[in-house]
């Protein structure tokens, strides 16, 4: 953690200022590896461990993501795939300018940081957090960017001063929280007047009832991530082989069969090396079956999340990850 970030922080419980208490040996350094942040109001302390302020406990409902993203820490990075998939999605989903120098961006639910670097490359000052220990993988992948700050925190209680961010984005996260509406509204409070919020959430339609993952999850979510992974891997290998038999006949049927059986299969979609493709499919199969929460939403329900009195523009539409939400908050009158 860089000491320069402290003025932007606030106690997640009472919004009071935080005071840095660092090891005396780090007194002259801007980067803090260990120490704590103490609230000036409620006096609650939050540790800094391995350069990252921790505002939540080491074990929580997102444990599966911590395990997943530390195990597959580079699988989805563009340089590993040899394609600009993350960069293209960030650009197309946010529709933000290429350069955002001088602005503050908040990323909620970073995972291992595939989109963190996309935000960093805009030149903005980026605050990236995740509820799980996936933030450690993000730190490892993106610590080279001097304009990025990393935190382990709860999306429902972000440790930042409200209403200060020019832009907020949240990809692939809301459906995996206990209350997606509450999580989204928390992010709304982080954007400044005139600021922009872009988020997405899985979409619930009649097709959802044919997705095998939701039937398998009755069992898989009861198994700890470390024990679940080898089980998922064996199941994935069997289904991947089985659906592969149909690929020469119909890639469309093969893909539908994979969905019905609760696995991910992107063969034929991208020109990737077979080993890389298989690892990505295994990763996303585990992503389907392991999270504690997976709550797709209907577009009409997402519309009700938005306080129309706070926004000048609100667009809720089908998108890449199911439903995209684009908000412009009203500027100061």
C-alpha atoms as a PDB file:
ATOM      1  CA  UNK A   1       0.000   0.000   0.000  1.00  0.00           C
ATOM      2  CA  UNK A   2       1.243   3.464  -0.854  1.00  0.00           C
ATOM      3  CA  UNK A   3       0.968   6.101   1.866  1.00  0.00           C
ATOM      4  CA  UNK A   4      -0.339   8.576  -0.698  1.00  0.00           C
ATOM      5  CA  UNK A   5      -3.621   6.650  -0.899  1.00  0.00           C
ATOM      6  CA  UNK A   6      -4.716   7.351   2.703  1.00  0.00           C
ATOM      7  CA  UNK A   7      -6.640  10.612   1.997  1.00  0.00           C
ATOM      8  CA  UNK A   8      -8.962   8.666  -0.317  1.00  0.00           C
ATOM      9  CA  UNK A   9      -9.842   6.052   2.309  1.00  0.00           C
ATOM     10  CA  UNK A  10     -12.567   5.972   4.946  1.00  0.00           C
ATOM     11  CA  UNK A  11     -13.675   3.519   7.587  1.00  0.00           C
ATOM     12  CA  UNK A  12     -16.086   1.052   5.949  1.00  0.00           C
ATOM     13  CA  UNK A  13     -18.230   1.110   9.089  1.00  0.00           C
ATOM     14  CA  UNK A  14     -18.504   4.820   9.975  1.00  0.00           C
ATOM     15  CA  UNK A  15     -16.793   6.700   7.113  1.00  0.00           C
ATOM     16  CA  UNK A  16     -14.305   8.333   9.506  1.00  0.00           C
ATOM     17  CA  UNK A  17     -10.705   8.987   8.476  1.00  0.00           C
ATOM     18  CA  UNK A  18      -8.123   6.217   8.773  1.00  0.00           C
ATOM     19  CA  UNK A  19      -4.711   6.587  10.394  1.00  0.00           C
ATOM     20  CA  UNK A  20      -1.725   4.584   9.232  1.00  0.00           C
ATOM     21  CA  UNK A  21       0.246   2.701  11.866  1.00  0.00           C
ATOM     22  CA  UNK A  22       3.224   1.165  10.105  1.00  0.00           C
ATOM     23  CA  UNK A  23       6.286  -0.720  11.227  1.00  0.00           C
ATOM     24  CA  UNK A  24       8.997   1.821  12.234  1.00  0.00           C
ATOM     25  CA  UNK A  25      11.361   0.212   9.740  1.00  0.00           C
ATOM     26  CA  UNK A  26       9.065   1.437   6.939  1.00  0.00           C
ATOM     27  CA  UNK A  27       8.997   5.035   8.156  1.00  0.00           C
ATOM     28  CA  UNK A  28      10.832   6.501   5.174  1.00  0.00           C
ATOM     29  CA  UNK A  29       9.221   4.402   2.458  1.00  0.00           C
ATOM     30  CA  UNK A  30       6.126   5.298   0.455  1.00  0.00           C
ATOM     31  CA  UNK A  31       5.208   1.609   0.063  1.00  0.00           C
ATOM     32  CA  UNK A  32       3.856  -0.100   3.199  1.00  0.00           C
ATOM     33  CA  UNK A  33       4.192  -3.878   3.292  1.00  0.00           C
ATOM     34  CA  UNK A  34       2.715  -4.439   6.757  1.00  0.00           C
ATOM     35  CA  UNK A  35       0.991  -2.441   9.449  1.00  0.00           C
ATOM     36  CA  UNK A  36      -2.567  -1.362  10.129  1.00  0.00           C
ATOM     37  CA  UNK A  37      -5.127   1.305   9.398  1.00  0.00           C
ATOM     38  CA  UNK A  38      -6.960   2.548  12.489  1.00  0.00           C
ATOM     39  CA  UNK A  39     -10.286   4.373  12.362  1.00  0.00           C
ATOM     40  CA  UNK A  40     -10.312   7.786  14.055  1.00  0.00           C
ATOM     41  CA  UNK A  41     -14.003   7.339  14.815  1.00  0.00           C
ATOM     42  CA  UNK A  42     -14.883   3.809  15.903  1.00  0.00           C
ATOM     43  CA  UNK A  43     -11.220   2.882  16.581  1.00  0.00           C
ATOM     44  CA  UNK A  44     -11.486  -0.332  14.600  1.00  0.00           C
ATOM     45  CA  UNK A  45      -8.189  -1.508  13.085  1.00  0.00           C
ATOM     46  CA  UNK A  46      -7.593  -3.149   9.731  1.00  0.00           C
ATOM     47  CA  UNK A  47      -4.319  -4.969   8.987  1.00  0.00           C
ATOM     48  CA  UNK A  48      -2.046  -4.396   6.016  1.00  0.00           C
ATOM     49  CA  UNK A  49      -0.673  -7.778   4.932  1.00  0.00           C
ATOM     50  CA  UNK A  50       1.618  -8.346   1.937  1.00  0.00           C
ATOM     51  CA  UNK A  51       1.152  -4.723   0.803  1.00  0.00           C
ATOM     52  CA  UNK A  52      -2.669  -5.003   0.785  1.00  0.00           C
ATOM     53  CA  UNK A  53      -5.033  -3.407   3.363  1.00  0.00           C
ATOM     54  CA  UNK A  54      -7.481  -6.073   4.545  1.00  0.00           C
ATOM     55  CA  UNK A  55     -10.935  -4.804   5.500  1.00  0.00           C
ATOM     56  CA  UNK A  56     -12.504  -8.287   5.701  1.00  0.00           C
ATOM     57  CA  UNK A  57     -11.557 -11.569   7.320  1.00  0.00           C
ATOM     58  CA  UNK A  58      -9.416 -14.155   5.584  1.00  0.00           C
ATOM     59  CA  UNK A  59     -12.400 -16.510   5.249  1.00  0.00           C
ATOM     60  CA  UNK A  60     -15.701 -15.406   3.724  1.00  0.00           C
ATOM     61  CA  UNK A  61     -18.352 -16.352   1.156  1.00  0.00           C
ATOM     62  CA  UNK A  62     -15.905 -15.617  -1.691  1.00  0.00           C
ATOM     63  CA  UNK A  63     -13.337 -18.225  -0.647  1.00  0.00           C
ATOM     64  CA  UNK A  64     -13.865 -20.170  -3.863  1.00  0.00           C
ATOM     65  CA  UNK A  65     -12.780 -17.134  -5.881  1.00  0.00           C
ATOM     66  CA  UNK A  66      -9.664 -16.730  -3.771  1.00  0.00           C
ATOM     67  CA  UNK A  67      -8.751 -20.340  -4.479  1.00  0.00           C
ATOM     68  CA  UNK A  68      -9.744 -20.101  -8.143  1.00  0.00           C
ATOM     69  CA  UNK A  69      -7.882 -16.933  -9.051  1.00  0.00           C
ATOM     70  CA  UNK A  70      -4.699 -17.818  -7.194  1.00  0.00           C
ATOM     71  CA  UNK A  71      -4.687 -21.182  -8.975  1.00  0.00           C
ATOM     72  CA  UNK A  72      -5.487 -19.718 -12.391  1.00  0.00           C
ATOM     73  CA  UNK A  73      -3.747 -16.397 -11.834  1.00  0.00           C
ATOM     74  CA  UNK A  74      -2.672 -15.803 -15.441  1.00  0.00           C
ATOM     75  CA  UNK A  75      -5.051 -17.969 -17.491  1.00  0.00           C
ATOM     76  CA  UNK A  76      -7.287 -15.129 -18.689  1.00  0.00           C
ATOM     77  CA  UNK A  77      -4.616 -12.482 -19.163  1.00  0.00           C
ATOM     78  CA  UNK A  78      -4.536 -11.268 -22.744  1.00  0.00           C
ATOM     79  CA  UNK A  79      -0.822 -12.021 -23.116  1.00  0.00           C
ATOM     80  CA  UNK A  80      -1.412 -15.623 -22.066  1.00  0.00           C
ATOM     81  CA  UNK A  81      -4.312 -16.059 -24.478  1.00  0.00           C
ATOM     82  CA  UNK A  82      -2.529 -14.239 -27.275  1.00  0.00           C
ATOM     83  CA  UNK A  83      -5.682 -12.176 -27.836  1.00  0.00           C
ATOM     84  CA  UNK A  84      -6.999  -8.831 -26.599  1.00  0.00           C
ATOM     85  CA  UNK A  85     -10.198 -10.291 -25.115  1.00  0.00           C
ATOM     86  CA  UNK A  86     -10.038  -8.408 -21.804  1.00  0.00           C
ATOM     87  CA  UNK A  87      -9.007  -5.146 -23.444  1.00  0.00           C
ATOM     88  CA  UNK A  88     -11.763  -5.444 -26.050  1.00  0.00           C
ATOM     89  CA  UNK A  89     -14.419  -6.220 -23.447  1.00  0.00           C
ATOM     90  CA  UNK A  90     -13.299  -3.347 -21.221  1.00  0.00           C
ATOM     91  CA  UNK A  91     -13.365  -0.936 -24.140  1.00  0.00           C
ATOM     92  CA  UNK A  92     -16.696  -2.117 -25.559  1.00  0.00           C
ATOM     93  CA  UNK A  93     -18.541  -2.516 -22.268  1.00  0.00           C
ATOM     94  CA  UNK A  94     -17.457   0.768 -20.678  1.00  0.00           C
ATOM     95  CA  UNK A  95     -17.307   2.832 -23.879  1.00  0.00           C
ATOM     96  CA  UNK A  96     -14.959   5.152 -21.988  1.00  0.00           C
ATOM     97  CA  UNK A  97     -12.246   7.323 -23.587  1.00  0.00           C
ATOM     98  CA  UNK A  98      -8.867   5.686 -24.104  1.00  0.00           C
ATOM     99  CA  UNK A  99      -7.120   8.245 -21.867  1.00  0.00           C
ATOM    100  CA  UNK A 100      -8.509   9.214 -18.458  1.00  0.00           C
ATOM    101  CA  UNK A 101      -5.505  10.964 -16.918  1.00  0.00           C
ATOM    102  CA  UNK A 102      -6.345  12.786 -13.693  1.00  0.00           C
ATOM    103  CA  UNK A 103      -9.513  10.779 -13.019  1.00  0.00           C
ATOM    104  CA  UNK A 104     -10.265   8.309 -10.212  1.00  0.00           C
ATOM    105  CA  UNK A 105     -11.533   4.841 -11.171  1.00  0.00           C
ATOM    106  CA  UNK A 106     -12.954   2.269  -8.757  1.00  0.00           C
ATOM    107  CA  UNK A 107     -12.934  -1.409  -9.740  1.00  0.00           C
ATOM    108  CA  UNK A 108     -15.215  -3.623  -7.639  1.00  0.00           C
ATOM    109  CA  UNK A 109     -14.443  -7.340  -7.646  1.00  0.00           C
ATOM    110  CA  UNK A 110     -11.127  -7.502  -9.461  1.00  0.00           C
ATOM    111  CA  UNK A 111     -10.438 -11.230  -9.423  1.00  0.00           C
ATOM    112  CA  UNK A 112      -6.868 -11.764 -10.592  1.00  0.00           C
ATOM    113  CA  UNK A 113      -6.837  -8.390 -12.332  1.00  0.00           C
ATOM    114  CA  UNK A 114      -7.529  -8.975 -16.015  1.00  0.00           C
ATOM    115  CA  UNK A 115      -9.470  -5.695 -16.203  1.00  0.00           C
ATOM    116  CA  UNK A 116      -7.364  -3.868 -13.614  1.00  0.00           C
ATOM    117  CA  UNK A 117      -4.575  -3.427 -16.135  1.00  0.00           C
ATOM    118  CA  UNK A 118      -7.054  -2.197 -18.741  1.00  0.00           C
ATOM    119  CA  UNK A 119      -8.125   0.554 -16.331  1.00  0.00           C
ATOM    120  CA  UNK A 120      -4.497   1.268 -15.396  1.00  0.00           C
ATOM    121  CA  UNK A 121      -3.531   1.808 -19.017  1.00  0.00           C
ATOM    122  CA  UNK A 122      -5.979   4.743 -19.259  1.00  0.00           C
ATOM    123  CA  UNK A 123      -3.648   6.746 -17.005  1.00  0.00           C
ATOM    124  CA  UNK A 124      -6.302   7.178 -14.298  1.00  0.00           C
ATOM    125  CA  UNK A 125      -5.647   6.549 -10.610  1.00  0.00           C
ATOM    126  CA  UNK A 126      -7.199   3.105 -10.079  1.00  0.00           C
ATOM    127  CA  UNK A 127      -8.544   1.688  -6.790  1.00  0.00           C
ATOM    128  CA  UNK A 128      -9.088  -2.050  -7.203  1.00  0.00           C
ATOM    129  CA  UNK A 129     -10.607  -4.337  -4.584  1.00  0.00           C
ATOM    130  CA  UNK A 130     -11.841  -7.877  -4.197  1.00  0.00           C
ATOM    131  CA  UNK A 131     -13.616  -9.622  -1.332  1.00  0.00           C
ATOM    132  CA  UNK A 132     -11.390 -12.680  -1.612  1.00  0.00           C
ATOM    133  CA  UNK A 133      -7.657 -13.383  -1.565  1.00  0.00           C
ATOM    134  CA  UNK A 134      -7.813 -13.117  -5.356  1.00  0.00           C
ATOM    135  CA  UNK A 135      -6.551  -9.604  -4.636  1.00  0.00           C
ATOM    136  CA  UNK A 136      -3.134 -11.187  -4.006  1.00  0.00           C
ATOM    137  CA  UNK A 137      -3.078 -12.550  -7.554  1.00  0.00           C
ATOM    138  CA  UNK A 138      -4.151  -9.132  -8.805  1.00  0.00           C
ATOM    139  CA  UNK A 139      -1.343  -7.473  -6.850  1.00  0.00           C
ATOM    140  CA  UNK A 140       1.172  -9.910  -8.291  1.00  0.00           C
ATOM    141  CA  UNK A 141      -0.075  -9.361 -11.847  1.00  0.00           C
ATOM    142  CA  UNK A 142      -0.414  -5.573 -11.722  1.00  0.00           C
ATOM    143  CA  UNK A 143       1.920  -4.161  -9.067  1.00  0.00           C
ATOM    144  CA  UNK A 144       4.057  -2.827 -11.923  1.00  0.00           C
ATOM    145  CA  UNK A 145       1.455  -0.087 -12.416  1.00  0.00           C
ATOM    146  CA  UNK A 146       2.288   2.794 -10.071  1.00  0.00           C
ATOM    147  CA  UNK A 147      -1.220   4.231 -10.558  1.00  0.00           C
ATOM    148  CA  UNK A 148      -3.041   1.182  -9.098  1.00  0.00           C
ATOM    149  CA  UNK A 149      -3.934   0.625  -5.426  1.00  0.00           C
ATOM    150  CA  UNK A 150      -5.123  -2.757  -4.114  1.00  0.00           C
ATOM    151  CA  UNK A 151      -7.547  -3.612  -1.283  1.00  0.00           C
ATOM    152  CA  UNK A 152      -9.366  -6.618   0.126  1.00  0.00           C
ATOM    153  CA  UNK A 153     -12.817  -5.320   0.966  1.00  0.00           C
ATOM    154  CA  UNK A 154     -16.570  -5.904   0.933  1.00  0.00           C
ATOM    155  CA  UNK A 155     -18.541  -4.482  -1.992  1.00  0.00           C
ATOM    156  CA  UNK A 156     -21.322  -3.631   0.459  1.00  0.00           C
ATOM    157  CA  UNK A 157     -18.945  -1.558   2.619  1.00  0.00           C
ATOM    158  CA  UNK A 158     -16.120  -0.200   0.452  1.00  0.00           C
ATOM    159  CA  UNK A 159     -13.322   1.472   2.480  1.00  0.00           C
ATOM    160  CA  UNK A 160     -13.369   4.710   0.491  1.00  0.00           C
ATOM    161  CA  UNK A 161     -14.837   8.168   0.869  1.00  0.00           C
ATOM    162  CA  UNK A 162     -18.225   8.207  -0.790  1.00  0.00           C
ATOM    163  CA  UNK A 163     -18.927  10.267  -3.869  1.00  0.00           C
ATOM    164  CA  UNK A 164     -15.315  10.763  -4.992  1.00  0.00           C
ATOM    165  CA  UNK A 165     -14.849   8.486  -8.015  1.00  0.00           C
ATOM    166  CA  UNK A 166     -15.188   9.727 -11.571  1.00  0.00           C
ATOM    167  CA  UNK A 167     -15.874   6.211 -12.831  1.00  0.00           C
ATOM    168  CA  UNK A 168     -16.861   2.884 -11.261  1.00  0.00           C
ATOM    169  CA  UNK A 169     -16.933  -0.495 -12.962  1.00  0.00           C
ATOM    170  CA  UNK A 170     -17.893  -3.976 -11.809  1.00  0.00           C
ATOM    171  CA  UNK A 171     -17.656  -6.955 -14.184  1.00  0.00           C
ATOM    172  CA  UNK A 172     -18.805 -10.496 -13.397  1.00  0.00           C
ATOM    173  CA  UNK A 173     -19.403  -9.884  -9.692  1.00  0.00           C
ATOM    174  CA  UNK A 174     -22.902  -8.757  -8.692  1.00  0.00           C
ATOM    175  CA  UNK A 175     -24.584 -12.157  -9.148  1.00  0.00           C
ATOM    176  CA  UNK A 176     -22.014 -13.690  -6.792  1.00  0.00           C
ATOM    177  CA  UNK A 177     -22.895 -11.440  -3.838  1.00  0.00           C
ATOM    178  CA  UNK A 178     -25.562 -12.160  -1.191  1.00  0.00           C
ATOM    179  CA  UNK A 179     -27.737  -9.274  -2.395  1.00  0.00           C
ATOM    180  CA  UNK A 180     -26.952  -8.013  -5.938  1.00  0.00           C
ATOM    181  CA  UNK A 181     -29.238  -4.975  -5.594  1.00  0.00           C
ATOM    182  CA  UNK A 182     -27.607  -3.892  -2.333  1.00  0.00           C
ATOM    183  CA  UNK A 183     -24.162  -4.386  -3.857  1.00  0.00           C
ATOM    184  CA  UNK A 184     -25.003  -2.267  -6.892  1.00  0.00           C
ATOM    185  CA  UNK A 185     -26.475   0.540  -4.817  1.00  0.00           C
ATOM    186  CA  UNK A 186     -23.333   0.557  -2.683  1.00  0.00           C
ATOM    187  CA  UNK A 187     -21.308   1.191  -5.830  1.00  0.00           C
ATOM    188  CA  UNK A 188     -23.673   3.994  -6.822  1.00  0.00           C
ATOM    189  CA  UNK A 189     -22.746   5.812  -3.617  1.00  0.00           C
ATOM    190  CA  UNK A 190     -19.060   5.695  -4.551  1.00  0.00           C
ATOM    191  CA  UNK A 191     -19.441   7.679  -7.794  1.00  0.00           C
ATOM    192  CA  UNK A 192     -19.266  11.458  -7.632  1.00  0.00           C
ATOM    193  CA  UNK A 193     -22.034  13.715  -8.996  1.00  0.00           C
ATOM    194  CA  UNK A 194     -21.652  13.557 -12.762  1.00  0.00           C
ATOM    195  CA  UNK A 195     -19.722  10.283 -12.446  1.00  0.00           C
ATOM    196  CA  UNK A 196     -20.303   7.106 -14.429  1.00  0.00           C
ATOM    197  CA  UNK A 197     -21.015   3.529 -13.321  1.00  0.00           C
ATOM    198  CA  UNK A 198     -20.805   0.473 -15.578  1.00  0.00           C
ATOM    199  CA  UNK A 199     -21.694  -2.973 -14.262  1.00  0.00           C
ATOM    200  CA  UNK A 200     -23.022  -6.291 -15.469  1.00  0.00           C
ATOM    201  CA  UNK A 201     -24.909  -9.211 -14.008  1.00  0.00           C
ATOM    202  CA  UNK A 202     -25.982 -12.642 -15.256  1.00  0.00           C
ATOM    203  CA  UNK A 203     -29.353 -12.604 -16.982  1.00  0.00           C
ATOM    204  CA  UNK A 204     -32.203 -14.897 -15.977  1.00  0.00           C
ATOM    205  CA  UNK A 205     -34.414 -16.181 -18.811  1.00  0.00           C
ATOM    206  CA  UNK A 206     -36.329 -19.382 -19.547  1.00  0.00           C
ATOM    207  CA  UNK A 207     -33.062 -20.839 -20.851  1.00  0.00           C
ATOM    208  CA  UNK A 208     -31.539 -20.595 -17.371  1.00  0.00           C
ATOM    209  CA  UNK A 209     -33.682 -23.533 -16.252  1.00  0.00           C
ATOM    210  CA  UNK A 210     -31.769 -25.763 -18.685  1.00  0.00           C
ATOM    211  CA  UNK A 211     -28.317 -24.803 -17.400  1.00  0.00           C
ATOM    212  CA  UNK A 212     -26.939 -27.838 -15.631  1.00  0.00           C
ATOM    213  CA  UNK A 213     -24.732 -25.815 -13.319  1.00  0.00           C
ATOM    214  CA  UNK A 214     -27.715 -24.744 -11.197  1.00  0.00           C
ATOM    215  CA  UNK A 215     -28.692 -28.349 -10.501  1.00  0.00           C
ATOM    216  CA  UNK A 216     -25.124 -29.470  -9.808  1.00  0.00           C
ATOM    217  CA  UNK A 217     -24.615 -26.516  -7.462  1.00  0.00           C
ATOM    218  CA  UNK A 218     -27.040 -28.053  -4.988  1.00  0.00           C
ATOM    219  CA  UNK A 219     -24.193 -30.453  -4.222  1.00  0.00           C
ATOM    220  CA  UNK A 220     -21.023 -28.623  -5.263  1.00  0.00           C
ATOM    221  CA  UNK A 221     -21.565 -25.513  -3.124  1.00  0.00           C
ATOM    222  CA  UNK A 222     -21.525 -27.708  -0.012  1.00  0.00           C
ATOM    223  CA  UNK A 223     -17.951 -28.852  -0.698  1.00  0.00           C
ATOM    224  CA  UNK A 224     -14.915 -26.690   0.284  1.00  0.00           C
ATOM    225  CA  UNK A 225     -13.114 -25.293  -2.801  1.00  0.00           C
ATOM    226  CA  UNK A 226      -9.879 -27.262  -2.314  1.00  0.00           C
ATOM    227  CA  UNK A 227     -11.791 -30.533  -2.089  1.00  0.00           C
ATOM    228  CA  UNK A 228     -14.194 -29.579  -4.845  1.00  0.00           C
ATOM    229  CA  UNK A 229     -11.600 -28.724  -7.491  1.00  0.00           C
ATOM    230  CA  UNK A 230     -10.281 -32.280  -8.115  1.00  0.00           C
ATOM    231  CA  UNK A 231     -13.882 -33.526  -8.339  1.00  0.00           C
ATOM    232  CA  UNK A 232     -14.786 -30.802 -10.841  1.00  0.00           C
ATOM    233  CA  UNK A 233     -11.628 -31.544 -12.825  1.00  0.00           C
ATOM    234  CA  UNK A 234     -12.536 -35.221 -13.245  1.00  0.00           C
ATOM    235  CA  UNK A 235     -16.139 -34.351 -14.153  1.00  0.00           C
ATOM    236  CA  UNK A 236     -14.932 -31.706 -16.619  1.00  0.00           C
ATOM    237  CA  UNK A 237     -12.499 -34.130 -18.296  1.00  0.00           C
ATOM    238  CA  UNK A 238     -15.303 -36.644 -18.866  1.00  0.00           C
ATOM    239  CA  UNK A 239     -17.780 -34.085 -20.233  1.00  0.00           C
ATOM    240  CA  UNK A 240     -15.112 -32.342 -22.310  1.00  0.00           C
ATOM    241  CA  UNK A 241     -14.240 -35.665 -23.952  1.00  0.00           C
ATOM    242  CA  UNK A 242     -17.898 -36.571 -24.470  1.00  0.00           C
ATOM    243  CA  UNK A 243     -18.920 -33.254 -26.020  1.00  0.00           C
ATOM    244  CA  UNK A 244     -15.760 -33.314 -28.123  1.00  0.00           C
ATOM    245  CA  UNK A 245     -17.126 -36.370 -29.913  1.00  0.00           C
ATOM    246  CA  UNK A 246     -19.884 -34.188 -31.377  1.00  0.00           C
ATOM    247  CA  UNK A 247     -17.629 -31.314 -32.451  1.00  0.00           C
ATOM    248  CA  UNK A 248     -16.989 -32.660 -35.994  1.00  0.00           C
ATOM    249  CA  UNK A 249     -20.743 -33.071 -36.498  1.00  0.00           C
ATOM    250  CA  UNK A 250     -22.060 -29.905 -34.853  1.00  0.00           C
ATOM    251  CA  UNK A 251     -20.141 -27.454 -32.676  1.00  0.00           C
ATOM    252  CA  UNK A 252     -23.489 -25.846 -31.791  1.00  0.00           C
ATOM    253  CA  UNK A 253     -24.904 -29.098 -30.396  1.00  0.00           C
ATOM    254  CA  UNK A 254     -21.637 -29.767 -28.577  1.00  0.00           C
ATOM    255  CA  UNK A 255     -21.835 -26.360 -26.901  1.00  0.00           C
ATOM    256  CA  UNK A 256     -25.487 -26.813 -25.895  1.00  0.00           C
ATOM    257  CA  UNK A 257     -24.691 -30.214 -24.420  1.00  0.00           C
ATOM    258  CA  UNK A 258     -21.871 -28.666 -22.380  1.00  0.00           C
ATOM    259  CA  UNK A 259     -24.248 -26.049 -20.980  1.00  0.00           C
ATOM    260  CA  UNK A 260     -26.867 -28.666 -20.106  1.00  0.00           C
ATOM    261  CA  UNK A 261     -24.194 -30.703 -18.334  1.00  0.00           C
ATOM    262  CA  UNK A 262     -22.940 -27.655 -16.418  1.00  0.00           C
ATOM    263  CA  UNK A 263     -19.522 -27.140 -18.001  1.00  0.00           C
ATOM    264  CA  UNK A 264     -17.848 -24.451 -20.099  1.00  0.00           C
ATOM    265  CA  UNK A 265     -16.706 -25.116 -23.653  1.00  0.00           C
ATOM    266  CA  UNK A 266     -15.330 -22.440 -25.980  1.00  0.00           C
ATOM    267  CA  UNK A 267     -13.806 -24.698 -28.626  1.00  0.00           C
ATOM    268  CA  UNK A 268     -14.340 -23.176 -32.032  1.00  0.00           C
ATOM    269  CA  UNK A 269     -14.995 -19.718 -30.614  1.00  0.00           C
ATOM    270  CA  UNK A 270     -11.408 -18.509 -30.357  1.00  0.00           C
ATOM    271  CA  UNK A 271      -8.208 -19.506 -32.196  1.00  0.00           C
ATOM    272  CA  UNK A 272      -6.384 -20.597 -29.041  1.00  0.00           C
ATOM    273  CA  UNK A 273      -3.794 -23.278 -28.420  1.00  0.00           C
ATOM    274  CA  UNK A 274      -5.601 -26.457 -27.291  1.00  0.00           C
ATOM    275  CA  UNK A 275      -3.891 -26.534 -23.876  1.00  0.00           C
ATOM    276  CA  UNK A 276      -4.751 -22.886 -23.146  1.00  0.00           C
ATOM    277  CA  UNK A 277      -8.321 -23.382 -24.330  1.00  0.00           C
ATOM    278  CA  UNK A 278      -8.824 -26.428 -22.119  1.00  0.00           C
ATOM    279  CA  UNK A 279      -7.438 -24.653 -19.053  1.00  0.00           C
ATOM    280  CA  UNK A 280      -9.790 -21.719 -19.639  1.00  0.00           C
ATOM    281  CA  UNK A 281     -12.777 -24.078 -19.977  1.00  0.00           C
ATOM    282  CA  UNK A 282     -11.805 -25.869 -16.748  1.00  0.00           C
ATOM    283  CA  UNK A 283     -11.437 -22.524 -14.966  1.00  0.00           C
ATOM    284  CA  UNK A 284     -14.895 -21.376 -16.032  1.00  0.00           C
ATOM    285  CA  UNK A 285     -16.447 -24.744 -15.163  1.00  0.00           C
ATOM    286  CA  UNK A 286     -15.110 -24.385 -11.630  1.00  0.00           C
ATOM    287  CA  UNK A 287     -16.399 -20.791 -11.707  1.00  0.00           C
ATOM    288  CA  UNK A 288     -19.882 -22.104 -12.492  1.00  0.00           C
ATOM    289  CA  UNK A 289     -19.970 -24.739  -9.760  1.00  0.00           C
ATOM    290  CA  UNK A 290     -18.045 -23.365  -6.784  1.00  0.00           C
ATOM    291  CA  UNK A 291     -19.299 -19.865  -5.794  1.00  0.00           C
ATOM    292  CA  UNK A 292     -21.492 -19.626  -2.708  1.00  0.00           C
ATOM    293  CA  UNK A 293     -23.897 -17.351  -4.606  1.00  0.00           C
ATOM    294  CA  UNK A 294     -24.978 -17.334  -8.240  1.00  0.00           C
ATOM    295  CA  UNK A 295     -28.102 -15.228  -8.752  1.00  0.00           C
ATOM    296  CA  UNK A 296     -29.046 -14.308 -12.349  1.00  0.00           C
ATOM    297  CA  UNK A 297     -31.424 -11.361 -12.663  1.00  0.00           C
ATOM    298  CA  UNK A 298     -34.251 -10.274 -14.929  1.00  0.00           C
ATOM    299  CA  UNK A 299     -33.864  -6.981 -16.777  1.00  0.00           C
ATOM    300  CA  UNK A 300     -37.092  -5.616 -15.293  1.00  0.00           C
ATOM    301  CA  UNK A 301     -35.825  -6.326 -11.776  1.00  0.00           C
ATOM    302  CA  UNK A 302     -32.465  -4.665 -12.419  1.00  0.00           C
ATOM    303  CA  UNK A 303     -34.359  -1.562 -13.579  1.00  0.00           C
ATOM    304  CA  UNK A 304     -35.779  -1.248 -10.040  1.00  0.00           C
ATOM    305  CA  UNK A 305     -32.267  -1.035  -8.558  1.00  0.00           C
ATOM    306  CA  UNK A 306     -31.770   2.465  -9.951  1.00  0.00           C
ATOM    307  CA  UNK A 307     -32.781   5.572  -8.014  1.00  0.00           C
ATOM    308  CA  UNK A 308     -33.931   7.695 -10.937  1.00  0.00           C
ATOM    309  CA  UNK A 309     -33.669  10.827  -8.823  1.00  0.00           C
ATOM    310  CA  UNK A 310     -29.880  10.407  -8.709  1.00  0.00           C
ATOM    311  CA  UNK A 311     -29.191   9.791 -12.379  1.00  0.00           C
ATOM    312  CA  UNK A 312     -29.226  11.806 -15.583  1.00  0.00           C
ATOM    313  CA  UNK A 313     -28.941   8.702 -17.753  1.00  0.00           C
ATOM    314  CA  UNK A 314     -29.642   5.024 -17.119  1.00  0.00           C
ATOM    315  CA  UNK A 315     -29.408   2.208 -19.660  1.00  0.00           C
ATOM    316  CA  UNK A 316     -30.142  -1.415 -18.746  1.00  0.00           C
ATOM    317  CA  UNK A 317     -29.787  -3.770 -21.693  1.00  0.00           C
ATOM    318  CA  UNK A 318     -28.746  -7.283 -22.761  1.00  0.00           C
ATOM    319  CA  UNK A 319     -24.964  -7.460 -23.012  1.00  0.00           C
ATOM    320  CA  UNK A 320     -21.825  -9.558 -23.044  1.00  0.00           C
ATOM    321  CA  UNK A 321     -22.203 -11.053 -19.577  1.00  0.00           C
ATOM    322  CA  UNK A 322     -26.005 -11.117 -19.537  1.00  0.00           C
ATOM    323  CA  UNK A 323     -27.215  -7.646 -18.552  1.00  0.00           C
ATOM    324  CA  UNK A 324     -25.230  -4.418 -18.816  1.00  0.00           C
ATOM    325  CA  UNK A 325     -25.971  -1.410 -16.596  1.00  0.00           C
ATOM    326  CA  UNK A 326     -24.773   2.037 -17.659  1.00  0.00           C
ATOM    327  CA  UNK A 327     -25.389   4.940 -15.299  1.00  0.00           C
ATOM    328  CA  UNK A 328     -24.495   8.645 -15.401  1.00  0.00           C
ATOM    329  CA  UNK A 329     -25.130  10.334 -12.075  1.00  0.00           C
ATOM    330  CA  UNK A 330     -26.610  13.836 -12.061  1.00  0.00           C
ATOM    331  CA  UNK A 331     -23.992  16.565 -11.803  1.00  0.00           C
ATOM    332  CA  UNK A 332     -24.066  19.155  -9.014  1.00  0.00           C
ATOM    333  CA  UNK A 333     -26.780  21.680  -9.750  1.00  0.00           C
END
